[in-house]
Amino acid sequence: MPLAIVGALIGSKFVAAFLAKLIYRYSRQEMLTMWSLSLPQVGATLAATLVGYRQGC
């Protein structure tokens, strides 16, 4: 289950960057830059989820 959550978070960031590439006609390198810069948000999301889970929310 944790691997599925991490995979979904990383995958959704890639899909968002890909859609921006199509809409704004960015290059492949620009798309990958957007995607890689959004990955720290994955760690923050996982940390917030873990804290909420441990608090019983």
N, C-alpha and C. Protein backbone atom coordinates (compact mmCIF):
# COMPACT_ATOMS: atom_id res chain seq x y z
N MET A 1 0.81 -1.20 0.00
CA MET A 1 0.00 0.00 0.00
C MET A 1 0.86 1.27 0.00
N PRO A 2 1.88 1.35 0.84
CA PRO A 2 2.71 2.56 0.80
C PRO A 2 3.37 2.80 -0.56
N LEU A 3 3.79 1.73 -1.21
CA LEU A 3 4.39 1.89 -2.54
C LEU A 3 3.38 2.40 -3.55
N ALA A 4 2.14 1.98 -3.43
CA ALA A 4 1.10 2.46 -4.33
C ALA A 4 0.84 3.95 -4.11
N ILE A 5 0.85 4.38 -2.86
CA ILE A 5 0.63 5.80 -2.56
C ILE A 5 1.77 6.64 -3.10
N VAL A 6 3.00 6.22 -2.85
CA VAL A 6 4.16 6.96 -3.36
C VAL A 6 4.15 6.98 -4.89
N GLY A 7 3.85 5.86 -5.50
CA GLY A 7 3.77 5.80 -6.96
C GLY A 7 2.70 6.72 -7.52
N ALA A 8 1.55 6.76 -6.85
CA ALA A 8 0.47 7.64 -7.30
C ALA A 8 0.86 9.11 -7.15
N LEU A 9 1.53 9.46 -6.07
CA LEU A 9 1.95 10.85 -5.86
C LEU A 9 2.95 11.28 -6.92
N ILE A 10 3.94 10.45 -7.17
CA ILE A 10 4.95 10.78 -8.17
C ILE A 10 4.34 10.79 -9.57
N GLY A 11 3.48 9.81 -9.84
CA GLY A 11 2.83 9.74 -11.15
C GLY A 11 1.92 10.93 -11.42
N SER A 12 1.19 11.36 -10.40
CA SER A 12 0.29 12.50 -10.61
C SER A 12 1.07 13.78 -10.87
N LYS A 13 2.25 13.93 -10.26
CA LYS A 13 3.08 15.09 -10.54
C LYS A 13 3.57 15.05 -11.99
N PHE A 14 3.89 13.85 -12.48
CA PHE A 14 4.34 13.71 -13.86
C PHE A 14 3.21 14.05 -14.83
N VAL A 15 2.01 13.56 -14.53
CA VAL A 15 0.87 13.84 -15.40
C VAL A 15 0.59 15.34 -15.46
N ALA A 16 0.66 16.02 -14.31
CA ALA A 16 0.44 17.46 -14.29
C ALA A 16 1.49 18.19 -15.13
N ALA A 17 2.75 17.78 -15.01
CA ALA A 17 3.81 18.41 -15.80
C ALA A 17 3.61 18.11 -17.30
N PHE A 18 3.17 16.91 -17.61
CA PHE A 18 2.93 16.54 -19.01
C PHE A 18 1.79 17.35 -19.61
N LEU A 19 0.72 17.54 -18.83
CA LEU A 19 -0.39 18.35 -19.33
C LEU A 19 0.02 19.80 -19.54
N ALA A 20 0.83 20.33 -18.64
CA ALA A 20 1.34 21.69 -18.82
C ALA A 20 2.20 21.77 -20.08
N LYS A 21 2.98 20.71 -20.34
CA LYS A 21 3.80 20.66 -21.55
C LYS A 21 2.92 20.76 -22.79
N LEU A 22 1.83 20.03 -22.80
CA LEU A 22 0.94 20.05 -23.96
C LEU A 22 0.23 21.39 -24.12
N ILE A 23 -0.25 21.93 -23.01
CA ILE A 23 -1.02 23.18 -23.07
C ILE A 23 -0.14 24.36 -23.47
N TYR A 24 1.05 24.45 -22.84
CA TYR A 24 1.91 25.60 -23.06
C TYR A 24 3.04 25.35 -24.05
N ARG A 25 3.05 24.16 -24.65
CA ARG A 25 4.04 23.78 -25.66
C ARG A 25 5.48 23.89 -25.14
N TYR A 26 5.68 23.38 -23.91
CA TYR A 26 7.01 23.36 -23.34
C TYR A 26 7.83 22.23 -23.98
N SER A 27 9.14 22.34 -23.87
CA SER A 27 10.01 21.27 -24.37
C SER A 27 10.02 20.13 -23.35
N ARG A 28 10.59 19.02 -23.77
CA ARG A 28 10.70 17.85 -22.88
C ARG A 28 11.54 18.20 -21.65
N GLN A 29 12.62 18.94 -21.85
CA GLN A 29 13.48 19.31 -20.73
C GLN A 29 12.74 20.22 -19.75
N GLU A 30 11.95 21.14 -20.26
CA GLU A 30 11.18 22.02 -19.38
C GLU A 30 10.15 21.22 -18.58
N MET A 31 9.53 20.24 -19.23
CA MET A 31 8.57 19.39 -18.55
C MET A 31 9.23 18.61 -17.42
N LEU A 32 10.38 18.02 -17.71
CA LEU A 32 11.08 17.23 -16.70
C LEU A 32 11.57 18.12 -15.55
N THR A 33 11.91 19.35 -15.85
CA THR A 33 12.31 20.28 -14.80
C THR A 33 11.13 20.59 -13.88
N MET A 34 9.97 20.86 -14.47
CA MET A 34 8.77 21.10 -13.65
C MET A 34 8.47 19.90 -12.78
N TRP A 35 8.54 18.72 -13.36
CA TRP A 35 8.24 17.50 -12.62
C TRP A 35 9.22 17.30 -11.47
N SER A 36 10.50 17.46 -11.74
CA SER A 36 11.50 17.22 -10.70
C SER A 36 11.42 18.25 -9.58
N LEU A 37 11.05 19.49 -9.92
CA LEU A 37 10.92 20.51 -8.88
C LEU A 37 9.67 20.31 -8.01
N SER A 38 8.72 19.54 -8.49
CA SER A 38 7.52 19.27 -7.69
C SER A 38 7.68 18.06 -6.78
N LEU A 39 8.75 17.29 -6.93
CA LEU A 39 8.92 16.08 -6.12
C LEU A 39 9.09 16.34 -4.62
N PRO A 40 9.74 17.43 -4.18
CA PRO A 40 9.79 17.66 -2.73
C PRO A 40 8.40 17.78 -2.10
N GLN A 41 7.42 18.19 -2.88
CA GLN A 41 6.05 18.26 -2.37
C GLN A 41 5.52 16.87 -2.03
N VAL A 42 6.01 15.85 -2.71
CA VAL A 42 5.61 14.48 -2.41
C VAL A 42 6.03 14.13 -0.99
N GLY A 43 7.26 14.47 -0.64
CA GLY A 43 7.75 14.19 0.71
C GLY A 43 6.95 14.93 1.76
N ALA A 44 6.61 16.18 1.49
CA ALA A 44 5.82 16.96 2.44
C ALA A 44 4.42 16.37 2.60
N THR A 45 3.84 15.92 1.49
CA THR A 45 2.51 15.31 1.55
C THR A 45 2.54 14.03 2.35
N LEU A 46 3.56 13.20 2.14
CA LEU A 46 3.67 11.96 2.90
C LEU A 46 3.87 12.23 4.38
N ALA A 47 4.69 13.23 4.71
CA ALA A 47 4.92 13.56 6.12
C ALA A 47 3.64 14.04 6.78
N ALA A 48 2.88 14.88 6.12
CA ALA A 48 1.62 15.37 6.68
C ALA A 48 0.62 14.24 6.85
N THR A 49 0.59 13.32 5.91
CA THR A 49 -0.30 12.17 6.01
C THR A 49 0.07 11.28 7.18
N LEU A 50 1.36 11.05 7.38
CA LEU A 50 1.81 10.22 8.48
C LEU A 50 1.48 10.85 9.83
N VAL A 51 1.68 12.16 9.94
CA VAL A 51 1.35 12.85 11.19
C VAL A 51 -0.15 12.74 11.46
N GLY A 52 -0.97 12.97 10.45
CA GLY A 52 -2.42 12.85 10.61
C GLY A 52 -2.83 11.44 11.00
N TYR A 53 -2.20 10.47 10.38
CA TYR A 53 -2.52 9.06 10.70
C TYR A 53 -2.17 8.73 12.13
N ARG A 54 -1.02 9.19 12.58
CA ARG A 54 -0.60 8.91 13.96
C ARG A 54 -1.44 9.65 14.98
N GLN A 55 -2.02 10.78 14.59
CA GLN A 55 -2.89 11.54 15.49
C GLN A 55 -4.32 10.98 15.49
N GLY A 56 -4.59 10.07 14.58
CA GLY A 56 -5.91 9.46 14.52
C GLY A 56 -6.92 10.24 13.72
N CYS A 57 -6.47 11.10 12.85
CA CYS A 57 -7.39 11.90 12.03
C CYS A 57 -7.90 11.11 10.85
